[in-house]
Every structure is written in C-alpha cells, then in structure tokens.
C-alpha atoms as a PDB file:
ATOM      1  CA  MET A   1       0.000   0.000   0.000  1.00  0.00           C
ATOM      2  CA  ILE A   2       1.365   3.405  -0.924  1.00  0.00           C
ATOM      3  CA  ILE A   3       0.477   6.511   1.071  1.00  0.00           C
ATOM      4  CA  ALA A   4       0.556   9.712  -0.944  1.00  0.00           C
ATOM      5  CA  ARG A   5       0.196  13.411  -0.188  1.00  0.00           C
ATOM      6  CA  ALA A   6      -0.879  15.710  -2.980  1.00  0.00           C
ATOM      7  CA  GLY A   7      -0.261  12.938  -5.470  1.00  0.00           C
ATOM      8  CA  GLU A   8       3.334  12.309  -4.333  1.00  0.00           C
ATOM      9  CA  PRO A   9       4.123   8.951  -2.654  1.00  0.00           C
ATOM     10  CA  ILE A  10       5.481   9.542   0.869  1.00  0.00           C
ATOM     11  CA  ALA A  11       5.353   6.065   2.417  1.00  0.00           C
ATOM     12  CA  ILE A  12       5.037   2.430   1.443  1.00  0.00           C
ATOM     13  CA  LEU A  13       3.377   0.027   3.887  1.00  0.00           C
ATOM     14  CA  THR A  14       4.523  -3.593   3.695  1.00  0.00           C
ATOM     15  CA  ALA A  15       4.011  -6.721   5.781  1.00  0.00           C
ATOM     16  CA  TYR A  16       6.208  -7.004   8.867  1.00  0.00           C
ATOM     17  CA  LYS A  17       9.027  -9.524   8.484  1.00  0.00           C
ATOM     18  CA  PRO A  18      10.635 -10.433  11.818  1.00  0.00           C
ATOM     19  CA  PRO A  19      14.428 -10.671  11.738  1.00  0.00           C
ATOM     20  CA  ARG A  20      15.845 -14.158  11.336  1.00  0.00           C
ATOM     21  CA  ARG A  21      17.136 -15.581  14.582  1.00  0.00           C
ATOM     22  CA  LYS A  22      20.711 -16.749  14.510  1.00  0.00           C
ATOM     23  CA  ILE A  23      21.275 -20.202  15.956  1.00  0.00           C
ATOM     24  CA  ALA A  24      24.547 -20.602  17.807  1.00  0.00           C
ATOM     25  CA  PRO A  25      26.725 -23.386  16.439  1.00  0.00           C
ATOM     26  CA  PRO A  26      27.280 -26.449  18.635  1.00  0.00           C
ATOM     27  CA  GLY A  27      30.091 -25.906  21.102  1.00  0.00           C
ATOM     28  CA  SER A  28      29.986 -22.116  20.959  1.00  0.00           C
ATOM     29  CA  LEU A  29      29.582 -21.872  24.756  1.00  0.00           C
ATOM     30  CA  GLU A  30      32.478 -24.218  25.498  1.00  0.00           C
ATOM     31  CA  GLY A  31      34.583 -22.991  28.393  1.00  0.00           C
ATOM     32  CA  GLN A  32      32.046 -20.394  29.531  1.00  0.00           C
ATOM     33  CA  GLY A  33      30.410 -22.503  32.259  1.00  0.00           C
ATOM     34  CA  TRP A  34      31.718 -24.337  35.268  1.00  0.00           C
ATOM     35  CA  MET A  35      30.733 -27.243  37.446  1.00  0.00           C
ATOM     36  CA  ALA A  36      31.539 -27.585  41.131  1.00  0.00           C
ATOM     37  CA  GLU A  37      34.113 -30.213  42.012  1.00  0.00           C
ATOM     38  CA  ASP A  38      31.597 -31.931  44.310  1.00  0.00           C
ATOM     39  CA  PHE A  39      28.499 -31.663  42.083  1.00  0.00           C
ATOM     40  CA  ASN A  40      28.068 -35.418  42.171  1.00  0.00           C
ATOM     41  CA  ALA A  41      28.839 -35.820  45.886  1.00  0.00           C
ATOM     42  CA  SER A  42      26.432 -37.543  48.208  1.00  0.00           C
ATOM     43  CA  VAL A  43      23.770 -35.346  49.801  1.00  0.00           C
ATOM     44  CA  ASP A  44      23.448 -37.521  52.905  1.00  0.00           C
ATOM     45  CA  ASP A  45      24.869 -34.740  55.103  1.00  0.00           C
ATOM     46  CA  LEU A  46      22.153 -32.418  53.862  1.00  0.00           C
ATOM     47  CA  PHE A  47      19.417 -34.857  54.840  1.00  0.00           C
ATOM     48  CA  ASP A  48      21.093 -35.539  58.200  1.00  0.00           C
ATOM     49  CA  ALA A  49      20.798 -31.822  58.989  1.00  0.00           C
ATOM     50  CA  LEU A  50      17.055 -31.982  58.420  1.00  0.00           C
ATOM     51  CA  LYS A  51      16.329 -34.844  60.835  1.00  0.00           C
ATOM     52  CA  ASP A  52      13.693 -34.393  63.530  1.00  0.00           C
ATOM     53  CA  GLY A  53      14.528 -31.712  66.056  1.00  0.00           C
ATOM     54  CA  GLU A  54      17.298 -30.117  64.019  1.00  0.00           C
ATOM     55  CA  ALA A  55      15.293 -28.207  61.414  1.00  0.00           C
ATOM     56  CA  PRO A  56      14.095 -24.689  62.307  1.00  0.00           C
ATOM     57  CA  ALA A  57      10.390 -24.245  62.925  1.00  0.00           C
ATOM     58  CA  ALA A  58       8.313 -22.822  60.079  1.00  0.00           C
ATOM     59  CA  ASN A  59       7.604 -19.599  61.993  1.00  0.00           C
ATOM     60  CA  GLU A  60      11.255 -18.923  62.888  1.00  0.00           C
ATOM     61  CA  THR A  61      13.181 -16.466  60.759  1.00  0.00           C
ATOM     62  CA  PRO A  62      16.688 -17.476  59.736  1.00  0.00           C
ATOM     63  CA  ALA A  63      19.578 -15.533  61.217  1.00  0.00           C
ATOM     64  CA  ALA A  64      20.971 -12.759  59.037  1.00  0.00           C
ATOM     65  CA  ALA A  65      24.139 -13.564  57.144  1.00  0.00           C
ATOM     66  CA  PRO A  66      27.292 -11.944  58.518  1.00  0.00           C
ATOM     67  CA  GLY A  67      27.997  -8.563  57.001  1.00  0.00           C
ATOM     68  CA  LYS A  68      24.421  -7.806  56.005  1.00  0.00           C
END
C-alpha cells in the first residue's frame, strides 16, 4: 500500500518480516560454564541436617548472614 500526499508517494506500507534468529553453532559456549568439584557428591549430610529436632520451625526467621 502506498500513502501519498498531494499525489506524491510519501510512504510504502509492507508486511512485517521479523528478523531471522541466529542459531549458535554447537560448542559455541564451550569454556564459559563451570561445574563444582563436588556436584556429584552424596547429599546424605544435607538430609542428616534436616532430621527431627534439628530443622528450624516454620515460623522462625533465619539468622541474618554476617555482614548484612
């Protein structure tokens, strides 16, 4: 569609074409992430800390972290 003023074209309306998304090639993020040394370590200690009587009550607020 052409928009004209006084017989002179001033604008052309066309369908919107979204820009093509670039797909990153495989391996392009290599070396940019890290994994903890103990990511696969047993979580038994975590569950031991949550045994009866050791977990804080639901209405207790946790202590503030040092320096905050």
